[in-house]
Amino acid sequence: MNGKRLLEQSILTIEERQKMYGSPKENFEHIAKRWSLLLGTTITPTQVGLMMLDLKIARLQKNPGHYDSLVDVAGYAACLSELK
């Protein structure tokens, strides 16, 4: 596996998801509102991004070399940088 290739794939995935779901900021805001209602406590878009990262990291504990999860970790980190 090549780190550069992984990051390039993350970019492609982000672009594809943005076409389907809108910007990371819009998408995470929407998810935060839904999770806030479900959980009965305020969830921020940043917390959404962190929890999605944690989900992927938890999956990587079972299969550390799973390429799609590694791509997703890079992608969620990039999305978090767009929330500020």
N, C-alpha and C. Protein backbone atom coordinates (compact mmCIF):
# COMPACT_ATOMS: atom_id res chain seq x y z
N MET A 1 0.84 -1.18 0.00
CA MET A 1 0.00 0.00 0.00
C MET A 1 0.88 1.24 0.00
N ASN A 2 0.42 2.25 -0.68
CA ASN A 2 1.17 3.48 -0.85
C ASN A 2 0.39 4.62 -0.19
N GLY A 3 1.05 5.38 0.69
CA GLY A 3 0.40 6.47 1.39
C GLY A 3 -0.16 7.54 0.46
N LYS A 4 0.59 7.85 -0.58
CA LYS A 4 0.13 8.87 -1.53
C LYS A 4 -1.14 8.39 -2.23
N ARG A 5 -1.16 7.14 -2.61
CA ARG A 5 -2.34 6.57 -3.28
C ARG A 5 -3.55 6.59 -2.35
N LEU A 6 -3.34 6.28 -1.09
CA LEU A 6 -4.42 6.30 -0.11
C LEU A 6 -5.01 7.71 -0.01
N LEU A 7 -4.16 8.72 0.07
CA LEU A 7 -4.65 10.10 0.17
C LEU A 7 -5.36 10.54 -1.11
N GLU A 8 -4.85 10.12 -2.25
CA GLU A 8 -5.52 10.44 -3.51
C GLU A 8 -6.90 9.80 -3.57
N GLN A 9 -7.00 8.57 -3.08
CA GLN A 9 -8.30 7.89 -3.04
C GLN A 9 -9.24 8.61 -2.09
N SER A 10 -8.71 9.12 -0.97
CA SER A 10 -9.53 9.88 -0.03
C SER A 10 -10.12 11.12 -0.69
N ILE A 11 -9.31 11.79 -1.49
CA ILE A 11 -9.79 12.98 -2.20
C ILE A 11 -10.93 12.61 -3.15
N LEU A 12 -10.75 11.54 -3.89
CA LEU A 12 -11.81 11.10 -4.82
C LEU A 12 -13.10 10.75 -4.06
N THR A 13 -12.95 10.09 -2.93
CA THR A 13 -14.11 9.71 -2.13
C THR A 13 -14.82 10.94 -1.59
N ILE A 14 -14.06 11.92 -1.09
CA ILE A 14 -14.66 13.16 -0.58
C ILE A 14 -15.43 13.86 -1.69
N GLU A 15 -14.84 13.96 -2.86
CA GLU A 15 -15.50 14.62 -3.99
C GLU A 15 -16.79 13.90 -4.37
N GLU A 16 -16.75 12.58 -4.40
CA GLU A 16 -17.93 11.78 -4.73
C GLU A 16 -19.03 11.98 -3.70
N ARG A 17 -18.66 11.93 -2.42
CA ARG A 17 -19.64 12.09 -1.34
C ARG A 17 -20.22 13.50 -1.34
N GLN A 18 -19.40 14.49 -1.67
CA GLN A 18 -19.88 15.87 -1.68
C GLN A 18 -20.96 16.05 -2.75
N LYS A 19 -20.81 15.39 -3.88
CA LYS A 19 -21.83 15.45 -4.93
C LYS A 19 -23.14 14.83 -4.44
N MET A 20 -23.03 13.78 -3.64
CA MET A 20 -24.23 13.06 -3.17
C MET A 20 -24.86 13.72 -1.95
N TYR A 21 -24.03 14.24 -1.02
CA TYR A 21 -24.54 14.66 0.28
C TYR A 21 -24.32 16.14 0.61
N GLY A 22 -23.66 16.88 -0.27
CA GLY A 22 -23.33 18.27 0.04
C GLY A 22 -21.98 18.36 0.72
N SER A 23 -21.64 19.56 1.13
CA SER A 23 -20.33 19.77 1.76
C SER A 23 -20.25 19.02 3.09
N PRO A 24 -19.02 18.71 3.54
CA PRO A 24 -18.89 18.07 4.85
C PRO A 24 -19.56 18.89 5.95
N LYS A 25 -19.44 20.20 5.89
CA LYS A 25 -20.05 21.07 6.91
C LYS A 25 -21.57 20.88 6.92
N GLU A 26 -22.20 20.95 5.76
CA GLU A 26 -23.65 20.77 5.67
C GLU A 26 -24.06 19.37 6.13
N ASN A 27 -23.34 18.37 5.68
CA ASN A 27 -23.66 16.99 6.01
C ASN A 27 -23.51 16.72 7.51
N PHE A 28 -22.41 17.17 8.10
CA PHE A 28 -22.19 16.93 9.53
C PHE A 28 -23.18 17.73 10.37
N GLU A 29 -23.58 18.92 9.91
CA GLU A 29 -24.59 19.70 10.63
C GLU A 29 -25.92 18.95 10.64
N HIS A 30 -26.27 18.38 9.50
CA HIS A 30 -27.51 17.61 9.39
C HIS A 30 -27.47 16.38 10.31
N ILE A 31 -26.37 15.67 10.28
CA ILE A 31 -26.22 14.49 11.14
C ILE A 31 -26.27 14.89 12.61
N ALA A 32 -25.60 15.99 12.96
CA ALA A 32 -25.59 16.46 14.35
C ALA A 32 -27.00 16.75 14.85
N LYS A 33 -27.81 17.37 14.02
CA LYS A 33 -29.20 17.66 14.42
C LYS A 33 -29.97 16.37 14.66
N ARG A 34 -29.80 15.40 13.78
CA ARG A 34 -30.51 14.13 13.93
C ARG A 34 -30.05 13.38 15.18
N TRP A 35 -28.73 13.30 15.37
CA TRP A 35 -28.21 12.60 16.55
C TRP A 35 -28.61 13.32 17.83
N SER A 36 -28.65 14.64 17.81
CA SER A 36 -29.07 15.40 18.99
C SER A 36 -30.49 15.03 19.38
N LEU A 37 -31.38 14.93 18.40
CA LEU A 37 -32.76 14.53 18.68
C LEU A 37 -32.83 13.11 19.23
N LEU A 38 -32.10 12.21 18.61
CA LEU A 38 -32.12 10.80 19.04
C LEU A 38 -31.55 10.61 20.44
N LEU A 39 -30.49 11.34 20.75
CA LEU A 39 -29.79 11.15 22.02
C LEU A 39 -30.28 12.06 23.14
N GLY A 40 -31.04 13.10 22.79
CA GLY A 40 -31.55 14.02 23.80
C GLY A 40 -30.47 14.92 24.39
N THR A 41 -29.41 15.13 23.65
CA THR A 41 -28.33 16.02 24.06
C THR A 41 -27.73 16.65 22.81
N THR A 42 -27.14 17.81 22.96
CA THR A 42 -26.60 18.51 21.80
C THR A 42 -25.32 17.83 21.30
N ILE A 43 -25.32 17.51 20.03
CA ILE A 43 -24.15 16.96 19.34
C ILE A 43 -23.73 17.99 18.31
N THR A 44 -22.45 18.30 18.26
CA THR A 44 -21.93 19.29 17.31
C THR A 44 -21.43 18.59 16.04
N PRO A 45 -21.33 19.35 14.95
CA PRO A 45 -20.75 18.76 13.74
C PRO A 45 -19.33 18.22 13.97
N THR A 46 -18.55 18.89 14.79
CA THR A 46 -17.20 18.40 15.10
C THR A 46 -17.27 17.06 15.82
N GLN A 47 -18.21 16.92 16.75
CA GLN A 47 -18.37 15.64 17.44
C GLN A 47 -18.79 14.54 16.48
N VAL A 48 -19.62 14.88 15.49
CA VAL A 48 -19.99 13.90 14.47
C VAL A 48 -18.74 13.38 13.77
N GLY A 49 -17.89 14.31 13.33
CA GLY A 49 -16.66 13.91 12.64
C GLY A 49 -15.76 13.05 13.51
N LEU A 50 -15.63 13.43 14.77
CA LEU A 50 -14.79 12.66 15.69
C LEU A 50 -15.36 11.27 15.94
N MET A 51 -16.68 11.18 16.06
CA MET A 51 -17.30 9.87 16.28
C MET A 51 -17.19 8.98 15.04
N MET A 52 -17.29 9.59 13.87
CA MET A 52 -17.11 8.80 12.65
C MET A 52 -15.67 8.29 12.54
N LEU A 53 -14.72 9.15 12.90
CA LEU A 53 -13.32 8.72 12.93
C LEU A 53 -13.14 7.57 13.91
N ASP A 54 -13.74 7.71 15.09
CA ASP A 54 -13.60 6.67 16.10
C ASP A 54 -14.20 5.34 15.63
N LEU A 55 -15.33 5.42 14.94
CA LEU A 55 -15.94 4.22 14.38
C LEU A 55 -14.96 3.50 13.45
N LYS A 56 -14.33 4.26 12.57
CA LYS A 56 -13.39 3.66 11.61
C LYS A 56 -12.16 3.10 12.33
N ILE A 57 -11.68 3.80 13.35
CA ILE A 57 -10.53 3.32 14.11
C ILE A 57 -10.89 2.03 14.85
N ALA A 58 -12.10 1.97 15.39
CA ALA A 58 -12.55 0.74 16.06
C ALA A 58 -12.56 -0.43 15.09
N ARG A 59 -13.01 -0.18 13.87
CA ARG A 59 -13.01 -1.24 12.86
C ARG A 59 -11.59 -1.65 12.49
N LEU A 60 -10.69 -0.67 12.45
CA LEU A 60 -9.29 -0.98 12.11
C LEU A 60 -8.62 -1.86 13.16
N GLN A 61 -9.12 -1.83 14.40
CA GLN A 61 -8.55 -2.69 15.43
C GLN A 61 -8.73 -4.16 15.06
N LYS A 62 -9.83 -4.48 14.39
CA LYS A 62 -10.09 -5.86 13.97
C LYS A 62 -9.32 -6.22 12.71
N ASN A 63 -9.11 -5.23 11.85
CA ASN A 63 -8.45 -5.48 10.57
C ASN A 63 -7.62 -4.26 10.20
N PRO A 64 -6.42 -4.11 10.79
CA PRO A 64 -5.61 -2.91 10.62
C PRO A 64 -5.23 -2.56 9.19
N GLY A 65 -5.27 -3.51 8.30
CA GLY A 65 -4.88 -3.23 6.92
C GLY A 65 -6.04 -2.99 5.98
N HIS A 66 -7.26 -2.90 6.52
CA HIS A 66 -8.43 -2.74 5.65
C HIS A 66 -8.36 -1.39 4.94
N TYR A 67 -8.13 -1.46 3.65
CA TYR A 67 -7.84 -0.26 2.85
C TYR A 67 -8.97 0.77 2.89
N ASP A 68 -10.22 0.33 2.74
CA ASP A 68 -11.34 1.27 2.72
C ASP A 68 -11.45 2.03 4.04
N SER A 69 -11.22 1.35 5.15
CA SER A 69 -11.28 2.04 6.45
C SER A 69 -10.15 3.05 6.59
N LEU A 70 -8.97 2.71 6.09
CA LEU A 70 -7.85 3.66 6.12
C LEU A 70 -8.16 4.89 5.27
N VAL A 71 -8.75 4.68 4.11
CA VAL A 71 -9.16 5.80 3.25
C VAL A 71 -10.18 6.66 3.98
N ASP A 72 -11.13 6.01 4.64
CA ASP A 72 -12.17 6.75 5.36
C ASP A 72 -11.59 7.57 6.51
N VAL A 73 -10.62 7.02 7.24
CA VAL A 73 -9.98 7.78 8.32
C VAL A 73 -9.36 9.06 7.78
N ALA A 74 -8.63 8.95 6.68
CA ALA A 74 -8.03 10.14 6.07
C ALA A 74 -9.11 11.11 5.61
N GLY A 75 -10.18 10.58 5.05
CA GLY A 75 -11.27 11.42 4.57
C GLY A 75 -11.98 12.15 5.69
N TYR A 76 -12.28 11.45 6.78
CA TYR A 76 -12.96 12.11 7.90
C TYR A 76 -12.06 13.16 8.55
N ALA A 77 -10.77 12.90 8.63
CA ALA A 77 -9.84 13.91 9.15
C ALA A 77 -9.86 15.15 8.26
N ALA A 78 -9.88 14.96 6.95
CA ALA A 78 -9.95 16.09 6.03
C ALA A 78 -11.27 16.84 6.19
N CYS A 79 -12.36 16.11 6.35
CA CYS A 79 -13.66 16.76 6.54
C CYS A 79 -13.68 17.59 7.81
N LEU A 80 -13.08 17.08 8.88
CA LEU A 80 -13.02 17.84 10.13
C LEU A 80 -12.34 19.18 9.94
N SER A 81 -11.33 19.21 9.09
CA SER A 81 -10.60 20.47 8.88
C SER A 81 -11.46 21.52 8.19
N GLU A 82 -12.55 21.11 7.56
CA GLU A 82 -13.43 22.05 6.86
C GLU A 82 -14.53 22.61 7.76
N LEU A 83 -14.64 22.14 8.99
CA LEU A 83 -15.72 22.56 9.87
C LEU A 83 -15.46 23.87 10.58
N LYS A 84 -14.24 24.29 10.68
CA LYS A 84 -13.92 25.52 11.43
C LYS A 84 -14.13 26.74 10.60
